[in-house]
Amino acid sequence: MAKTSPAEFLNQVRAEGRKVVWPTRKETITTAIMVLIMTVLLALFFLVVDGALAAVVRFLIGLLG
């Protein structure tokens, strides 16, 4: 593997950076909204699952006592 000088490395980094396609403002906002919606849905899901499992554990502990 050939060694790359720091100047050549920076040139390669700039060249790769020019290839990046940045999202539009609308795409960024849409993605952020979708992430927030999914976060809320998953939080609600885990709240229900946690409550159900807690109820099962309380029931099982109640059988012992």
Protein backbone atom coordinates (compact mmCIF):
# COMPACT_ATOMS: atom_id res chain seq x y z
CA MET A 1 0.00 0.00 0.00
CA ALA A 2 1.49 3.34 -1.06
CA LYS A 3 1.91 6.06 1.53
CA THR A 4 -0.12 9.22 0.99
CA SER A 5 1.22 12.64 1.82
CA PRO A 6 -0.90 14.92 4.03
CA ALA A 7 -1.54 17.28 1.09
CA GLU A 8 -2.71 14.42 -1.13
CA PHE A 9 -4.89 13.11 1.70
CA LEU A 10 -6.59 16.52 2.04
CA ASN A 11 -7.13 16.64 -1.73
CA GLN A 12 -8.78 13.22 -1.58
CA VAL A 13 -10.96 14.31 1.33
CA ARG A 14 -12.10 17.40 -0.59
CA ALA A 15 -12.82 15.29 -3.68
CA GLU A 16 -14.94 12.87 -1.66
CA GLY A 17 -16.70 15.78 0.06
CA ARG A 18 -17.74 17.17 -3.32
CA LYS A 19 -19.47 13.84 -4.09
CA VAL A 20 -21.77 14.13 -1.07
CA VAL A 21 -25.40 14.86 -1.94
CA TRP A 22 -26.88 16.86 0.92
CA PRO A 23 -30.61 16.53 1.68
CA THR A 24 -32.91 19.45 1.01
CA ARG A 25 -34.54 21.37 3.85
CA LYS A 26 -37.86 19.65 3.10
CA GLU A 27 -36.25 16.17 3.24
CA THR A 28 -34.55 17.01 6.53
CA ILE A 29 -37.78 18.27 8.11
CA THR A 30 -39.75 15.27 6.83
CA THR A 31 -37.15 12.85 8.19
CA ALA A 32 -37.06 14.63 11.56
CA ILE A 33 -40.86 14.46 11.85
CA MET A 34 -40.85 10.75 10.99
CA VAL A 35 -38.17 10.11 13.63
CA LEU A 36 -40.23 11.97 16.25
CA ILE A 37 -43.39 10.04 15.35
CA MET A 38 -41.57 6.69 15.52
CA THR A 39 -39.97 7.67 18.84
CA VAL A 40 -43.37 8.48 20.35
CA LEU A 41 -44.90 5.26 19.01
CA LEU A 42 -42.04 3.14 20.36
CA ALA A 43 -42.19 4.92 23.73
CA LEU A 44 -45.91 4.13 23.97
CA PHE A 45 -45.31 0.53 22.90
CA PHE A 46 -42.63 -0.01 25.54
CA LEU A 47 -44.78 1.71 28.16
CA VAL A 48 -47.56 -0.82 27.50
CA VAL A 49 -45.19 -3.80 27.39
CA ASP A 50 -43.47 -2.68 30.61
CA GLY A 51 -46.82 -2.24 32.34
CA ALA A 52 -47.98 -5.67 31.22
CA LEU A 53 -44.79 -7.36 32.38
CA ALA A 54 -44.94 -5.51 35.71
CA ALA A 55 -48.51 -6.73 36.20
CA VAL A 56 -47.47 -10.32 35.45
CA VAL A 57 -44.57 -10.11 37.92
CA ARG A 58 -46.84 -8.60 40.61
CA PHE A 59 -49.34 -11.42 40.02
CA LEU A 60 -46.66 -14.10 40.28
CA ILE A 61 -45.23 -12.54 43.45
CA GLY A 62 -48.77 -12.39 44.85
CA LEU A 63 -49.13 -16.15 44.33
CA LEU A 64 -46.07 -16.75 46.52
CA GLY A 65 -47.14 -14.48 49.36
